[in-house]
Amino acid sequence: MPATGHNKRFAVGLTGGAGSGKTTVSNLFREFGVDIVDADEISRDLVGWNSPLLPQILEHFGQDLADATGGLDRRALRERIFHDAGAKSWLEALMHPAIREEIRRRVETGSAPYVMVVVPLLVESGAYDFVDRVLVVDAPEDAQVARLRQRDGISRELAEQMLAAQATRRQRLDRADDVIDNSKGMSALAGHVRTLHETYLKMATA
């Protein structure tokens, strides 16, 4: 995918379904010194206790969604919006532009030869045309559900709803320039990351 000129560095968009292993993969790339810009990390920053977006969210959804630190109880919010399509749309309209703006800022200010932009909803949003490659972390749905339940302590029903709310596995694979199969163990995963890192370094410096 060609970059559009918003960033001067080679950018890889990393995506995958919930529970596919995006964090594990991005951490492996980070070990090679790659700059990682993570949309989820930015999202958490944007709803912290001193965020200008937090009062708008609490006003819309209720003060009971504030956690003990004065920030946002993201788990409670996630459960609420998965049962209310209108609430989900409202939150996305508020958050996504702010997330994209901060992603662009971090992409432009990093120093590594290339940057990896981790965006769970990259395929769904269609708003990250500035990345040069799309890397999809792929995993069977049963594995995703199991990881989500273990990670977040949620029910199978909610885990399945989370997956259903995202792009399908086929839609992500159709968009991919590169695919990492995260079903073959850590050794295979690390080897694939190493190979792709070397490839991206060559592309970034060509």
N, C-alpha and C. Protein backbone atom coordinates (compact mmCIF):
# COMPACT_ATOMS: atom_id res chain seq x y z
N MET A 1 0.83 -1.20 0.00
CA MET A 1 0.00 0.00 0.00
C MET A 1 0.87 1.25 0.00
N PRO A 2 0.68 2.15 -0.84
CA PRO A 2 1.52 3.33 -0.88
C PRO A 2 1.21 4.29 0.25
N ALA A 3 2.22 4.92 0.78
CA ALA A 3 1.99 5.96 1.78
C ALA A 3 1.47 7.20 1.09
N THR A 4 0.82 8.06 1.86
CA THR A 4 0.20 9.23 1.26
C THR A 4 0.97 10.51 1.52
N GLY A 5 2.13 10.39 2.18
CA GLY A 5 2.93 11.57 2.42
C GLY A 5 2.74 12.17 3.80
N HIS A 6 1.83 11.60 4.60
CA HIS A 6 1.64 12.13 5.95
C HIS A 6 2.81 11.77 6.85
N ASN A 7 3.50 10.67 6.58
CA ASN A 7 4.64 10.29 7.38
C ASN A 7 5.83 10.06 6.45
N LYS A 8 7.03 10.31 6.97
CA LYS A 8 8.24 10.15 6.17
C LYS A 8 8.86 8.78 6.35
N ARG A 9 8.46 8.08 7.38
CA ARG A 9 9.03 6.76 7.63
C ARG A 9 8.14 5.66 7.09
N PHE A 10 8.77 4.54 6.82
CA PHE A 10 8.04 3.35 6.41
C PHE A 10 7.16 2.91 7.58
N ALA A 11 5.88 2.67 7.32
CA ALA A 11 4.94 2.32 8.38
C ALA A 11 4.24 1.01 8.05
N VAL A 12 4.19 0.13 9.03
CA VAL A 12 3.49 -1.14 8.91
C VAL A 12 2.28 -1.09 9.82
N GLY A 13 1.11 -1.39 9.28
CA GLY A 13 -0.10 -1.46 10.09
C GLY A 13 -0.30 -2.89 10.55
N LEU A 14 -0.27 -3.09 11.87
CA LEU A 14 -0.44 -4.43 12.46
C LEU A 14 -1.87 -4.55 12.98
N THR A 15 -2.58 -5.58 12.54
CA THR A 15 -3.95 -5.76 12.99
C THR A 15 -4.25 -7.24 13.14
N GLY A 16 -5.45 -7.53 13.61
CA GLY A 16 -5.87 -8.91 13.84
C GLY A 16 -7.09 -8.88 14.74
N GLY A 17 -7.80 -9.97 14.78
CA GLY A 17 -8.99 -10.03 15.63
C GLY A 17 -8.63 -9.99 17.10
N ALA A 18 -9.63 -9.69 17.93
CA ALA A 18 -9.42 -9.68 19.38
C ALA A 18 -8.92 -11.05 19.82
N GLY A 19 -7.85 -11.06 20.63
CA GLY A 19 -7.31 -12.32 21.11
C GLY A 19 -6.43 -13.07 20.13
N SER A 20 -6.08 -12.42 19.02
CA SER A 20 -5.25 -13.10 18.02
C SER A 20 -3.78 -13.12 18.39
N GLY A 21 -3.35 -12.19 19.26
CA GLY A 21 -1.96 -12.15 19.67
C GLY A 21 -1.19 -10.94 19.17
N LYS A 22 -1.91 -9.85 18.90
CA LYS A 22 -1.25 -8.64 18.38
C LYS A 22 -0.21 -8.10 19.35
N THR A 23 -0.53 -8.11 20.64
CA THR A 23 0.42 -7.57 21.63
C THR A 23 1.69 -8.41 21.68
N THR A 24 1.54 -9.72 21.65
CA THR A 24 2.70 -10.60 21.65
C THR A 24 3.58 -10.32 20.43
N VAL A 25 2.96 -10.19 19.27
CA VAL A 25 3.72 -9.92 18.05
C VAL A 25 4.39 -8.55 18.11
N SER A 26 3.66 -7.54 18.53
CA SER A 26 4.26 -6.20 18.58
C SER A 26 5.41 -6.15 19.58
N ASN A 27 5.31 -6.89 20.69
CA ASN A 27 6.41 -6.93 21.66
C ASN A 27 7.65 -7.59 21.06
N LEU A 28 7.45 -8.59 20.21
CA LEU A 28 8.59 -9.22 19.54
C LEU A 28 9.26 -8.24 18.59
N PHE A 29 8.47 -7.47 17.85
CA PHE A 29 9.06 -6.44 17.00
C PHE A 29 9.76 -5.37 17.84
N ARG A 30 9.20 -5.03 18.97
CA ARG A 30 9.79 -4.01 19.84
C ARG A 30 11.20 -4.43 20.28
N GLU A 31 11.41 -5.74 20.48
CA GLU A 31 12.72 -6.24 20.88
C GLU A 31 13.79 -5.97 19.83
N PHE A 32 13.38 -5.76 18.58
CA PHE A 32 14.32 -5.43 17.51
C PHE A 32 14.53 -3.91 17.39
N GLY A 33 13.95 -3.15 18.31
CA GLY A 33 14.12 -1.70 18.29
C GLY A 33 13.12 -0.97 17.41
N VAL A 34 12.08 -1.66 16.99
CA VAL A 34 11.05 -1.04 16.15
C VAL A 34 10.21 -0.09 17.00
N ASP A 35 9.89 1.07 16.46
CA ASP A 35 8.96 1.97 17.14
C ASP A 35 7.55 1.39 17.03
N ILE A 36 6.89 1.24 18.17
CA ILE A 36 5.53 0.71 18.21
C ILE A 36 4.57 1.82 18.61
N VAL A 37 3.57 2.05 17.78
CA VAL A 37 2.50 3.00 18.10
C VAL A 37 1.23 2.18 18.23
N ASP A 38 0.70 2.09 19.44
CA ASP A 38 -0.40 1.18 19.74
C ASP A 38 -1.69 1.96 19.98
N ALA A 39 -2.69 1.71 19.15
CA ALA A 39 -3.97 2.43 19.27
C ALA A 39 -4.64 2.17 20.61
N ASP A 40 -4.51 0.96 21.15
CA ASP A 40 -5.13 0.66 22.45
C ASP A 40 -4.46 1.45 23.56
N GLU A 41 -3.13 1.57 23.51
CA GLU A 41 -2.42 2.37 24.52
C GLU A 41 -2.86 3.83 24.43
N ILE A 42 -2.98 4.33 23.22
CA ILE A 42 -3.43 5.70 23.03
C ILE A 42 -4.86 5.86 23.54
N SER A 43 -5.71 4.89 23.26
CA SER A 43 -7.09 4.94 23.73
C SER A 43 -7.14 5.02 25.25
N ARG A 44 -6.30 4.23 25.93
CA ARG A 44 -6.27 4.29 27.40
C ARG A 44 -5.81 5.66 27.88
N ASP A 45 -4.81 6.22 27.21
CA ASP A 45 -4.33 7.55 27.58
C ASP A 45 -5.42 8.60 27.42
N LEU A 46 -6.22 8.44 26.38
CA LEU A 46 -7.24 9.45 26.08
C LEU A 46 -8.43 9.42 27.03
N VAL A 47 -8.55 8.36 27.82
CA VAL A 47 -9.65 8.30 28.79
C VAL A 47 -9.12 8.29 30.22
N GLY A 48 -7.86 8.70 30.41
CA GLY A 48 -7.30 8.81 31.76
C GLY A 48 -7.99 9.90 32.56
N TRP A 49 -7.65 9.98 33.83
CA TRP A 49 -8.39 10.87 34.74
C TRP A 49 -8.30 12.34 34.34
N ASN A 50 -7.24 12.75 33.66
CA ASN A 50 -7.09 14.16 33.27
C ASN A 50 -7.35 14.39 31.79
N SER A 51 -7.97 13.42 31.12
CA SER A 51 -8.22 13.55 29.69
C SER A 51 -9.39 14.48 29.42
N PRO A 52 -9.31 15.33 28.39
CA PRO A 52 -10.44 16.18 28.04
C PRO A 52 -11.64 15.40 27.51
N LEU A 53 -11.41 14.14 27.08
CA LEU A 53 -12.52 13.34 26.58
C LEU A 53 -13.30 12.67 27.70
N LEU A 54 -12.65 12.44 28.85
CA LEU A 54 -13.30 11.70 29.93
C LEU A 54 -14.61 12.35 30.41
N PRO A 55 -14.65 13.66 30.65
CA PRO A 55 -15.92 14.25 31.10
C PRO A 55 -17.06 14.05 30.12
N GLN A 56 -16.75 14.07 28.81
CA GLN A 56 -17.79 13.85 27.82
C GLN A 56 -18.33 12.43 27.89
N ILE A 57 -17.43 11.48 28.11
CA ILE A 57 -17.85 10.07 28.17
C ILE A 57 -18.70 9.83 29.42
N LEU A 58 -18.26 10.36 30.56
CA LEU A 58 -19.01 10.14 31.80
C LEU A 58 -20.35 10.87 31.78
N GLU A 59 -20.39 12.02 31.13
CA GLU A 59 -21.65 12.74 31.02
C GLU A 59 -22.64 11.94 30.17
N HIS A 60 -22.12 11.29 29.14
CA HIS A 60 -23.00 10.55 28.23
C HIS A 60 -23.45 9.22 28.83
N PHE A 61 -22.52 8.50 29.48
CA PHE A 61 -22.82 7.15 29.95
C PHE A 61 -23.14 7.08 31.44
N GLY A 62 -22.77 8.11 32.20
CA GLY A 62 -23.04 8.09 33.63
C GLY A 62 -21.77 8.02 34.46
N GLN A 63 -21.80 8.66 35.61
CA GLN A 63 -20.63 8.73 36.48
C GLN A 63 -20.27 7.36 37.08
N ASP A 64 -21.18 6.41 37.02
CA ASP A 64 -20.89 5.09 37.58
C ASP A 64 -19.82 4.36 36.77
N LEU A 65 -19.46 4.89 35.59
CA LEU A 65 -18.40 4.27 34.80
C LEU A 65 -17.01 4.79 35.16
N ALA A 66 -16.93 5.68 36.15
CA ALA A 66 -15.62 6.13 36.64
C ALA A 66 -15.06 5.05 37.57
N ASP A 67 -13.75 4.80 37.46
CA ASP A 67 -13.14 3.81 38.35
C ASP A 67 -12.62 4.49 39.63
N ALA A 68 -11.93 3.73 40.46
CA ALA A 68 -11.50 4.23 41.76
C ALA A 68 -10.48 5.35 41.65
N THR A 69 -9.77 5.45 40.51
CA THR A 69 -8.75 6.48 40.35
C THR A 69 -9.32 7.74 39.71
N GLY A 70 -10.59 7.71 39.33
CA GLY A 70 -11.18 8.84 38.63
C GLY A 70 -11.11 8.71 37.13
N GLY A 71 -10.49 7.63 36.67
CA GLY A 71 -10.44 7.36 35.23
C GLY A 71 -11.67 6.57 34.81
N LEU A 72 -11.58 5.95 33.66
CA LEU A 72 -12.72 5.23 33.09
C LEU A 72 -12.60 3.74 33.36
N ASP A 73 -13.69 3.14 33.79
CA ASP A 73 -13.76 1.69 33.92
C ASP A 73 -14.01 1.12 32.53
N ARG A 74 -12.93 0.81 31.83
CA ARG A 74 -13.03 0.43 30.42
C ARG A 74 -13.76 -0.90 30.24
N ARG A 75 -13.62 -1.81 31.19
CA ARG A 75 -14.32 -3.09 31.07
C ARG A 75 -15.83 -2.89 31.15
N ALA A 76 -16.26 -2.07 32.11
CA ALA A 76 -17.70 -1.81 32.25
C ALA A 76 -18.24 -1.09 31.01
N LEU A 77 -17.46 -0.17 30.47
CA LEU A 77 -17.89 0.54 29.26
C LEU A 77 -17.98 -0.42 28.09
N ARG A 78 -16.99 -1.30 27.96
CA ARG A 78 -17.00 -2.26 26.86
C ARG A 78 -18.24 -3.15 26.92
N GLU A 79 -18.59 -3.61 28.10
CA GLU A 79 -19.77 -4.46 28.23
C GLU A 79 -21.04 -3.69 27.87
N ARG A 80 -21.08 -2.41 28.22
CA ARG A 80 -22.27 -1.62 27.93
C ARG A 80 -22.44 -1.38 26.43
N ILE A 81 -21.37 -1.03 25.75
CA ILE A 81 -21.53 -0.69 24.34
C ILE A 81 -21.77 -1.91 23.47
N PHE A 82 -21.35 -3.09 23.94
CA PHE A 82 -21.60 -4.28 23.15
C PHE A 82 -23.07 -4.68 23.17
N HIS A 83 -23.83 -4.08 24.07
CA HIS A 83 -25.27 -4.34 24.12
C HIS A 83 -26.07 -3.14 23.61
N ASP A 84 -25.37 -2.15 23.06
CA ASP A 84 -26.07 -0.93 22.62
C ASP A 84 -25.32 -0.37 21.40
N ALA A 85 -25.83 -0.66 20.22
CA ALA A 85 -25.16 -0.23 18.99
C ALA A 85 -25.05 1.27 18.90
N GLY A 86 -26.08 1.99 19.37
CA GLY A 86 -26.05 3.44 19.33
C GLY A 86 -24.96 4.01 20.22
N ALA A 87 -24.80 3.42 21.39
CA ALA A 87 -23.76 3.86 22.31
C ALA A 87 -22.37 3.59 21.72
N LYS A 88 -22.23 2.46 21.07
CA LYS A 88 -20.95 2.12 20.44
C LYS A 88 -20.62 3.13 19.34
N SER A 89 -21.59 3.48 18.53
CA SER A 89 -21.36 4.45 17.46
C SER A 89 -20.99 5.81 18.00
N TRP A 90 -21.67 6.23 19.08
CA TRP A 90 -21.36 7.53 19.70
C TRP A 90 -19.92 7.56 20.20
N LEU A 91 -19.52 6.49 20.87
CA LEU A 91 -18.16 6.44 21.43
C LEU A 91 -17.11 6.43 20.33
N GLU A 92 -17.35 5.68 19.27
CA GLU A 92 -16.40 5.63 18.17
C GLU A 92 -16.25 6.98 17.49
N ALA A 93 -17.38 7.69 17.34
CA ALA A 93 -17.32 9.01 16.71
C ALA A 93 -16.49 9.99 17.54
N LEU A 94 -16.50 9.80 18.86
CA LEU A 94 -15.71 10.66 19.74
C LEU A 94 -14.24 10.25 19.76
N MET A 95 -13.98 8.95 19.88
CA MET A 95 -12.64 8.47 20.13
C MET A 95 -11.78 8.33 18.89
N HIS A 96 -12.33 7.80 17.81
CA HIS A 96 -11.50 7.43 16.67
C HIS A 96 -10.73 8.61 16.05
N PRO A 97 -11.35 9.78 15.85
CA PRO A 97 -10.57 10.90 15.31
C PRO A 97 -9.41 11.30 16.21
N ALA A 98 -9.64 11.28 17.52
CA ALA A 98 -8.58 11.65 18.46
C ALA A 98 -7.46 10.61 18.44
N ILE A 99 -7.82 9.34 18.34
CA ILE A 99 -6.82 8.28 18.28
C ILE A 99 -5.98 8.41 17.01
N ARG A 100 -6.64 8.62 15.87
CA ARG A 100 -5.91 8.74 14.60
C ARG A 100 -4.96 9.94 14.62
N GLU A 101 -5.41 11.05 15.20
CA GLU A 101 -4.55 12.24 15.26
C GLU A 101 -3.29 11.97 16.07
N GLU A 102 -3.46 11.28 17.21
CA GLU A 102 -2.30 10.99 18.06
C GLU A 102 -1.40 9.95 17.40
N ILE A 103 -1.98 8.99 16.69
CA ILE A 103 -1.16 8.01 15.96
C ILE A 103 -0.28 8.72 14.94
N ARG A 104 -0.88 9.61 14.16
CA ARG A 104 -0.09 10.34 13.15
C ARG A 104 1.05 11.13 13.81
N ARG A 105 0.77 11.76 14.93
CA ARG A 105 1.80 12.54 15.62
C ARG A 105 2.96 11.65 16.03
N ARG A 106 2.66 10.48 16.59
CA ARG A 106 3.72 9.58 17.06
C ARG A 106 4.47 8.95 15.90
N VAL A 107 3.77 8.66 14.83
CA VAL A 107 4.45 8.11 13.64
C VAL A 107 5.48 9.10 13.12
N GLU A 108 5.11 10.36 13.10
CA GLU A 108 5.99 11.39 12.53
C GLU A 108 7.16 11.76 13.43
N THR A 109 7.06 11.46 14.74
CA THR A 109 8.10 11.91 15.66
C THR A 109 9.04 10.81 16.12
N GLY A 110 8.83 9.57 15.67
CA GLY A 110 9.72 8.48 16.07
C GLY A 110 11.06 8.54 15.35
N SER A 111 11.98 7.66 15.75
CA SER A 111 13.33 7.72 15.20
C SER A 111 13.83 6.41 14.60
N ALA A 112 13.12 5.31 14.80
CA ALA A 112 13.57 4.02 14.25
C ALA A 112 13.40 4.01 12.73
N PRO A 113 14.08 3.09 12.04
CA PRO A 113 13.97 3.04 10.57
C PRO A 113 12.55 2.86 10.08
N TYR A 114 11.74 2.12 10.83
CA TYR A 114 10.33 2.02 10.46
C TYR A 114 9.48 1.94 11.72
N VAL A 115 8.21 2.17 11.56
CA VAL A 115 7.29 2.21 12.69
C VAL A 115 6.18 1.20 12.45
N MET A 116 5.75 0.54 13.53
CA MET A 116 4.64 -0.39 13.46
C MET A 116 3.45 0.21 14.18
N VAL A 117 2.34 0.35 13.48
CA VAL A 117 1.13 0.95 14.02
C VAL A 117 0.14 -0.17 14.31
N VAL A 118 -0.12 -0.40 15.60
CA VAL A 118 -1.00 -1.50 16.01
C VAL A 118 -2.42 -0.96 16.13
N VAL A 119 -3.30 -1.39 15.23
CA VAL A 119 -4.68 -0.89 15.19
C VAL A 119 -5.63 -2.09 15.07
N PRO A 120 -6.31 -2.45 16.17
CA PRO A 120 -7.23 -3.58 16.10
C PRO A 120 -8.30 -3.43 15.02
N LEU A 121 -8.80 -2.22 14.81
CA LEU A 121 -9.89 -2.00 13.85
C LEU A 121 -9.39 -1.36 12.55
N LEU A 122 -8.19 -1.67 12.16
CA LEU A 122 -7.63 -1.07 10.94
C LEU A 122 -8.48 -1.40 9.72
N VAL A 123 -8.86 -2.64 9.57
CA VAL A 123 -9.65 -3.04 8.40
C VAL A 123 -11.04 -2.42 8.45
N GLU A 124 -11.64 -2.42 9.65
CA GLU A 124 -13.00 -1.89 9.78
C GLU A 124 -13.07 -0.39 9.52
N SER A 125 -12.07 0.33 9.98
CA SER A 125 -12.14 1.79 9.90
C SER A 125 -11.87 2.32 8.49
N GLY A 126 -10.98 1.67 7.76
CA GLY A 126 -10.60 2.17 6.45
C GLY A 126 -9.93 3.52 6.48
N ALA A 127 -9.37 3.90 7.64
CA ALA A 127 -8.86 5.25 7.81
C ALA A 127 -7.34 5.33 7.97
N TYR A 128 -6.64 4.25 7.69
CA TYR A 128 -5.19 4.24 7.90
C TYR A 128 -4.45 3.99 6.59
N ASP A 129 -4.81 4.79 5.58
CA ASP A 129 -4.20 4.61 4.28
C ASP A 129 -2.76 5.10 4.22
N PHE A 130 -2.25 5.65 5.33
CA PHE A 130 -0.86 6.11 5.32
C PHE A 130 0.13 4.99 5.63
N VAL A 131 -0.35 3.78 5.98
CA VAL A 131 0.59 2.69 6.22
C VAL A 131 1.01 2.09 4.88
N ASP A 132 2.25 1.64 4.83
CA ASP A 132 2.80 1.08 3.59
C ASP A 132 2.50 -0.40 3.42
N ARG A 133 2.36 -1.12 4.55
CA ARG A 133 2.04 -2.54 4.53
C ARG A 133 1.00 -2.83 5.61
N VAL A 134 0.18 -3.83 5.39
CA VAL A 134 -0.74 -4.31 6.42
C VAL A 134 -0.33 -5.72 6.81
N LEU A 135 -0.01 -5.88 8.08
CA LEU A 135 0.38 -7.18 8.63
C LEU A 135 -0.75 -7.69 9.52
N VAL A 136 -1.28 -8.85 9.19
CA VAL A 136 -2.39 -9.43 9.95
C VAL A 136 -1.89 -10.59 10.80
N VAL A 137 -2.21 -10.55 12.09
CA VAL A 137 -1.96 -11.69 12.98
C VAL A 137 -3.21 -12.55 12.93
N ASP A 138 -3.05 -13.79 12.50
CA ASP A 138 -4.20 -14.68 12.30
C ASP A 138 -4.18 -15.81 13.31
N ALA A 139 -5.37 -16.16 13.81
CA ALA A 139 -5.51 -17.27 14.76
C ALA A 139 -6.91 -17.84 14.62
N PRO A 140 -7.09 -19.13 14.89
CA PRO A 140 -8.43 -19.72 14.84
C PRO A 140 -9.36 -19.05 15.86
N GLU A 141 -10.64 -18.98 15.53
CA GLU A 141 -11.59 -18.28 16.40
C GLU A 141 -11.67 -18.91 17.78
N ASP A 142 -11.60 -20.23 17.88
CA ASP A 142 -11.66 -20.88 19.20
C ASP A 142 -10.50 -20.42 20.08
N ALA A 143 -9.33 -20.24 19.48
CA ALA A 143 -8.17 -19.77 20.25
C ALA A 143 -8.38 -18.32 20.68
N GLN A 144 -8.97 -17.51 19.81
CA GLN A 144 -9.25 -16.12 20.17
C GLN A 144 -10.21 -16.04 21.36
N VAL A 145 -11.27 -16.82 21.31
CA VAL A 145 -12.26 -16.81 22.39
C VAL A 145 -11.60 -17.22 23.71
N ALA A 146 -10.79 -18.27 23.67
CA ALA A 146 -10.13 -18.75 24.89
C ALA A 146 -9.19 -17.69 25.45
N ARG A 147 -8.43 -17.02 24.58
CA ARG A 147 -7.51 -15.99 25.05
C ARG A 147 -8.25 -14.80 25.65
N LEU A 148 -9.35 -14.40 25.01
CA LEU A 148 -10.13 -13.28 25.53
C LEU A 148 -10.71 -13.59 26.89
N ARG A 149 -11.23 -14.80 27.06
CA ARG A 149 -11.82 -15.17 28.35
C ARG A 149 -10.76 -15.19 29.44
N GLN A 150 -9.58 -15.69 29.11
CA GLN A 150 -8.50 -15.74 30.10
C GLN A 150 -7.96 -14.35 30.40
N ARG A 151 -7.79 -13.55 29.37
CA ARG A 151 -7.20 -12.21 29.53
C ARG A 151 -8.11 -11.26 30.28
N ASP A 152 -9.40 -11.25 29.90
CA ASP A 152 -10.32 -10.24 30.41
C ASP A 152 -11.28 -10.77 31.47
N GLY A 153 -11.28 -12.07 31.70
CA GLY A 153 -12.20 -12.63 32.67
C GLY A 153 -13.65 -12.46 32.28
N ILE A 154 -13.95 -12.65 31.01
CA ILE A 154 -15.30 -12.42 30.51
C ILE A 154 -15.95 -13.73 30.11
N SER A 155 -17.24 -13.68 29.86
CA SER A 155 -17.98 -14.87 29.46
C SER A 155 -17.70 -15.23 28.01
N ARG A 156 -17.99 -16.47 27.66
CA ARG A 156 -17.86 -16.88 26.26
C ARG A 156 -18.77 -16.02 25.37
N GLU A 157 -19.97 -15.73 25.87
CA GLU A 157 -20.92 -14.93 25.09
C GLU A 157 -20.34 -13.58 24.73
N LEU A 158 -19.75 -12.89 25.72
CA LEU A 158 -19.19 -11.57 25.44
C LEU A 158 -17.99 -11.68 24.51
N ALA A 159 -17.16 -12.70 24.71
CA ALA A 159 -16.00 -12.89 23.83
C ALA A 159 -16.45 -13.09 22.39
N GLU A 160 -17.48 -13.88 22.20
CA GLU A 160 -17.98 -14.12 20.85
C GLU A 160 -18.61 -12.86 20.26
N GLN A 161 -19.27 -12.06 21.11
CA GLN A 161 -19.83 -10.78 20.65
C GLN A 161 -18.72 -9.84 20.21
N MET A 162 -17.60 -9.83 20.94
CA MET A 162 -16.48 -8.98 20.58
C MET A 162 -15.95 -9.35 19.20
N LEU A 163 -15.85 -10.63 18.93
CA LEU A 163 -15.36 -11.07 17.62
C LEU A 163 -16.36 -10.76 16.52
N ALA A 164 -17.64 -10.94 16.83
CA ALA A 164 -18.67 -10.69 15.82
C ALA A 164 -18.76 -9.22 15.44
N ALA A 165 -18.35 -8.34 16.35
CA ALA A 165 -18.42 -6.90 16.09
C ALA A 165 -17.27 -6.42 15.22
N GLN A 166 -16.30 -7.28 14.96
CA GLN A 166 -15.13 -6.90 14.16
C GLN A 166 -15.25 -7.46 12.75
N ALA A 167 -14.29 -7.09 11.92
CA ALA A 167 -14.22 -7.67 10.58
C ALA A 167 -14.07 -9.18 10.68
N THR A 168 -14.50 -9.87 9.66
CA THR A 168 -14.33 -11.32 9.66
C THR A 168 -12.87 -11.68 9.40
N ARG A 169 -12.55 -12.89 9.71
CA ARG A 169 -11.19 -13.38 9.46
C ARG A 169 -10.85 -13.24 7.97
N ARG A 170 -11.77 -13.58 7.09
CA ARG A 170 -11.54 -13.49 5.65
C ARG A 170 -11.33 -12.05 5.21
N GLN A 171 -12.10 -11.12 5.75
CA GLN A 171 -11.95 -9.70 5.40
C GLN A 171 -10.56 -9.20 5.76
N ARG A 172 -10.06 -9.59 6.93
CA ARG A 172 -8.71 -9.17 7.32
C ARG A 172 -7.66 -9.79 6.41
N LEU A 173 -7.80 -11.08 6.13
CA LEU A 173 -6.80 -11.75 5.28
C LEU A 173 -6.81 -11.18 3.87
N ASP A 174 -7.97 -10.80 3.39
CA ASP A 174 -8.04 -10.19 2.05
C ASP A 174 -7.32 -8.86 1.99
N ARG A 175 -7.26 -8.16 3.12
CA ARG A 175 -6.60 -6.85 3.18
C ARG A 175 -5.09 -6.96 3.42
N ALA A 176 -4.64 -8.13 3.85
CA ALA A 176 -3.26 -8.28 4.31
C ALA A 176 -2.25 -8.27 3.18
N ASP A 177 -1.13 -7.60 3.43
CA ASP A 177 0.07 -7.76 2.60
C ASP A 177 0.92 -8.89 3.15
N ASP A 178 0.91 -9.05 4.48
CA ASP A 178 1.67 -10.10 5.15
C ASP A 178 0.79 -10.70 6.24
N VAL A 179 0.99 -11.99 6.52
CA VAL A 179 0.20 -12.69 7.54
C VAL A 179 1.13 -13.46 8.46
N ILE A 180 0.88 -13.36 9.76
CA ILE A 180 1.56 -14.17 10.75
C ILE A 180 0.54 -15.15 11.33
N ASP A 181 0.83 -16.44 11.20
CA ASP A 181 -0.03 -17.49 11.76
C ASP A 181 0.36 -17.70 13.22
N ASN A 182 -0.52 -17.30 14.13
CA ASN A 182 -0.22 -17.41 15.55
C ASN A 182 -0.87 -18.66 16.14
N SER A 183 -0.63 -19.79 15.51
CA SER A 183 -1.18 -21.05 16.03
C SER A 183 -0.13 -22.14 16.10
N LYS A 184 1.13 -21.76 15.88
CA LYS A 184 2.18 -22.77 15.77
C LYS A 184 3.22 -22.67 16.89
N GLY A 185 2.93 -21.92 17.94
CA GLY A 185 3.85 -21.85 19.06
C GLY A 185 4.77 -20.64 19.01
N MET A 186 5.39 -20.36 20.15
CA MET A 186 6.19 -19.14 20.30
C MET A 186 7.45 -19.15 19.45
N SER A 187 8.07 -20.30 19.31
CA SER A 187 9.31 -20.36 18.53
C SER A 187 9.05 -20.01 17.07
N ALA A 188 7.99 -20.59 16.52
CA ALA A 188 7.64 -20.29 15.12
C ALA A 188 7.25 -18.83 14.97
N LEU A 189 6.54 -18.31 15.96
CA LEU A 189 6.11 -16.91 15.91
C LEU A 189 7.32 -15.98 15.91
N ALA A 190 8.27 -16.23 16.80
CA ALA A 190 9.46 -15.39 16.88
C ALA A 190 10.27 -15.45 15.59
N GLY A 191 10.36 -16.63 14.98
CA GLY A 191 11.09 -16.75 13.73
C GLY A 191 10.43 -15.98 12.60
N HIS A 192 9.11 -16.01 12.56
CA HIS A 192 8.39 -15.28 11.51
C HIS A 192 8.57 -13.77 11.70
N VAL A 193 8.53 -13.32 12.95
CA VAL A 193 8.73 -11.90 13.22
C VAL A 193 10.13 -11.47 12.79
N ARG A 194 11.13 -12.29 13.07
CA ARG A 194 12.50 -11.96 12.70
C ARG A 194 12.62 -11.81 11.17
N THR A 195 12.02 -12.73 10.44
CA THR A 195 12.08 -12.67 8.98
C THR A 195 11.39 -11.42 8.45
N LEU A 196 10.21 -11.12 8.99
CA LEU A 196 9.49 -9.93 8.52
C LEU A 196 10.24 -8.65 8.90
N HIS A 197 10.86 -8.64 10.07
CA HIS A 197 11.63 -7.45 10.48
C HIS A 197 12.74 -7.17 9.48
N GLU A 198 13.45 -8.21 9.07
CA GLU A 198 14.52 -8.03 8.09
C GLU A 198 13.97 -7.52 6.76
N THR A 199 12.80 -8.04 6.38
CA THR A 199 12.16 -7.59 5.14
C THR A 199 11.76 -6.13 5.23
N TYR A 200 11.17 -5.75 6.34
CA TYR A 200 10.72 -4.35 6.50
C TYR A 200 11.90 -3.39 6.56
N LEU A 201 12.99 -3.82 7.17
CA LEU A 201 14.20 -2.97 7.20
C LEU A 201 14.68 -2.69 5.78
N LYS A 202 14.69 -3.70 4.95
CA LYS A 202 15.11 -3.52 3.56
C LYS A 202 14.15 -2.57 2.83
N MET A 203 12.87 -2.74 3.03
CA MET A 203 11.90 -1.87 2.38
C MET A 203 12.04 -0.44 2.87
N ALA A 204 12.29 -0.27 4.15
CA ALA A 204 12.37 1.07 4.73
C ALA A 204 13.59 1.84 4.26
N THR A 205 14.62 1.11 3.92
CA THR A 205 15.88 1.77 3.55
C THR A 205 16.16 1.72 2.05
N ALA A 206 15.20 1.17 1.29
CA ALA A 206 15.39 1.05 -0.16
C ALA A 206 15.39 2.42 -0.82
